[in-house]
Amino acid sequence: MPDRFHILIAEDEVLAAMALEDFLSFKGFRVTVAANGVEALERYATERIHALVTDLRMPRMDGETLIREIRDRDATLPVVVMTGYLTEDSDLKQERWKPLEIFSKPVNPRTICNTLHRMLGIPLEA
């Protein structure tokens, strides 16, 4: 069932992006990777995306700006944030950004996968 869901990953760390892409693809998701926020926004504009997984610190456009731009178009798109740089007073922790989950790096790909399953209403495998 996950094969019907397209996940956009915005991550400038190549190895982290590849590991997550490989794991999510193995679990049946269709995955597109963008190296920065600008590229991710371009992909979002041309492809049907069901969820965004993003880093916050990236070149050209940071993750928070990317989330704001996408949420202007789709306020309900599930977003998973992976970061090592979130402050306690971050605006992203506000209820208005839900559905949004935030994880500190390093994040186990299984954690991201399980979160996507929950956010997209996909039953977890036994």
Protein backbone atom coordinates (compact mmCIF):
# COMPACT_ATOMS: atom_id res chain seq x y z
CA MET A 1 0.00 0.00 0.00
CA PRO A 2 2.82 2.55 0.60
CA ASP A 3 3.63 2.38 -3.14
CA ARG A 4 0.69 4.71 -3.73
CA PHE A 5 2.39 7.37 -1.61
CA HIS A 6 5.06 9.73 -2.93
CA ILE A 7 7.51 11.14 -0.39
CA LEU A 8 9.66 14.21 -1.09
CA ILE A 9 12.93 14.30 0.87
CA ALA A 10 14.74 17.65 1.12
CA GLU A 11 18.20 16.94 2.52
CA ASP A 12 21.59 18.37 1.56
CA GLU A 13 23.61 15.65 3.32
CA VAL A 14 24.01 13.12 0.50
CA LEU A 15 24.60 10.03 2.64
CA ALA A 16 21.65 10.78 4.94
CA ALA A 17 19.39 11.39 1.93
CA MET A 18 20.52 8.16 0.23
CA ALA A 19 20.03 6.07 3.37
CA LEU A 20 16.52 7.39 3.92
CA GLU A 21 15.63 7.10 0.24
CA ASP A 22 16.84 3.48 0.16
CA PHE A 23 14.94 2.53 3.32
CA LEU A 24 11.66 4.20 2.30
CA SER A 25 11.90 2.74 -1.22
CA PHE A 26 12.51 -0.71 0.25
CA LYS A 27 9.39 -0.23 2.37
CA GLY A 28 7.39 0.52 -0.77
CA PHE A 29 7.21 4.30 -0.94
CA ARG A 30 7.90 6.26 -4.10
CA VAL A 31 10.68 8.69 -3.16
CA THR A 32 12.06 11.85 -4.71
CA VAL A 33 15.16 13.51 -3.25
CA ALA A 34 16.01 17.20 -3.49
CA ALA A 35 19.36 18.61 -2.34
CA ASN A 36 17.93 21.91 -1.11
CA GLY A 37 14.70 23.82 -0.53
CA VAL A 38 14.60 25.45 -3.96
CA GLU A 39 14.90 22.10 -5.71
CA ALA A 40 12.30 20.59 -3.36
CA LEU A 41 9.83 23.39 -4.10
CA GLU A 42 10.35 22.86 -7.84
CA ARG A 43 9.66 19.13 -7.42
CA TYR A 44 6.60 19.86 -5.30
CA ALA A 45 5.23 22.14 -8.03
CA THR A 46 5.50 19.45 -10.72
CA GLU A 47 4.82 16.18 -8.89
CA ARG A 48 2.02 14.79 -6.71
CA ILE A 49 3.59 14.66 -3.23
CA HIS A 50 1.89 13.02 -0.24
CA ALA A 51 4.42 13.99 2.46
CA LEU A 52 7.57 16.05 2.92
CA VAL A 53 10.62 14.96 4.92
CA THR A 54 13.02 17.85 5.33
CA ASP A 55 16.15 19.06 7.04
CA LEU A 56 16.06 22.62 8.36
CA ARG A 57 19.55 23.81 7.45
CA MET A 58 20.12 23.57 3.71
CA PRO A 59 21.66 25.82 1.05
CA ARG A 60 19.57 28.07 -1.23
CA MET A 61 16.38 27.75 0.86
CA ASP A 62 16.17 26.47 4.41
CA GLY A 63 13.64 23.88 5.53
CA GLU A 64 11.50 26.30 7.51
CA THR A 65 11.04 28.53 4.44
CA LEU A 66 10.30 25.43 2.35
CA ILE A 67 7.62 24.33 4.82
CA ARG A 68 6.03 27.80 4.78
CA GLU A 69 6.02 27.90 0.96
CA ILE A 70 4.46 24.44 0.68
CA ARG A 71 1.95 25.08 3.45
CA ASP A 72 0.78 28.19 1.55
CA ARG A 73 -0.30 25.72 -1.16
CA ASP A 74 -1.38 22.77 1.02
CA ALA A 75 -1.99 23.39 4.71
CA THR A 76 -2.56 19.70 5.44
CA LEU A 77 0.51 18.11 3.81
CA PRO A 78 2.23 15.89 6.41
CA VAL A 79 5.74 17.14 7.20
CA VAL A 80 8.55 15.36 9.02
CA VAL A 81 11.49 17.53 10.10
CA MET A 82 14.95 16.06 10.77
CA THR A 83 17.36 18.53 12.30
CA GLY A 84 20.19 19.11 14.67
CA TYR A 85 19.39 22.81 14.96
CA LEU A 86 15.89 23.26 16.37
CA THR A 87 15.55 25.80 19.15
CA GLU A 88 13.03 25.48 21.96
CA ASP A 89 11.18 28.59 20.79
CA SER A 90 10.95 27.52 17.13
CA ASP A 91 7.77 28.62 15.40
CA LEU A 92 7.49 25.11 13.92
CA LYS A 93 6.45 23.80 17.34
CA GLN A 94 3.20 25.78 17.12
CA GLU A 95 -0.02 23.79 16.72
CA ARG A 96 -0.85 25.63 13.46
CA TRP A 97 1.91 23.73 11.64
CA LYS A 98 0.34 20.31 12.28
CA PRO A 99 0.52 17.72 10.83
CA LEU A 100 4.23 18.09 11.53
CA GLU A 101 6.65 15.89 13.47
CA ILE A 102 10.14 16.99 14.50
CA PHE A 103 13.11 14.67 15.15
CA SER A 104 16.66 15.48 16.22
CA LYS A 105 19.43 14.09 14.04
CA PRO A 106 20.59 11.44 13.75
CA VAL A 107 17.22 9.82 13.06
CA ASN A 108 16.71 6.13 12.44
CA PRO A 109 15.06 5.66 9.01
CA ARG A 110 12.60 3.21 10.61
CA THR A 111 11.39 6.03 12.89
CA ILE A 112 10.74 8.24 9.87
CA CYS A 113 9.01 5.37 8.06
CA ASN A 114 6.76 4.56 11.02
CA THR A 115 5.91 8.26 11.40
CA LEU A 116 4.97 8.49 7.72
CA HIS A 117 2.78 5.41 8.07
CA ARG A 118 0.97 7.01 11.00
CA MET A 119 0.64 10.45 9.38
CA LEU A 120 -0.63 9.00 6.09
CA GLY A 121 -2.96 6.48 7.73
CA ILE A 122 -1.09 3.44 6.43
CA PRO A 123 -1.21 0.36 8.66
CA LEU A 124 2.19 -0.75 9.93
CA GLU A 125 3.46 -4.11 8.76
CA ALA A 126 3.30 -6.91 11.31
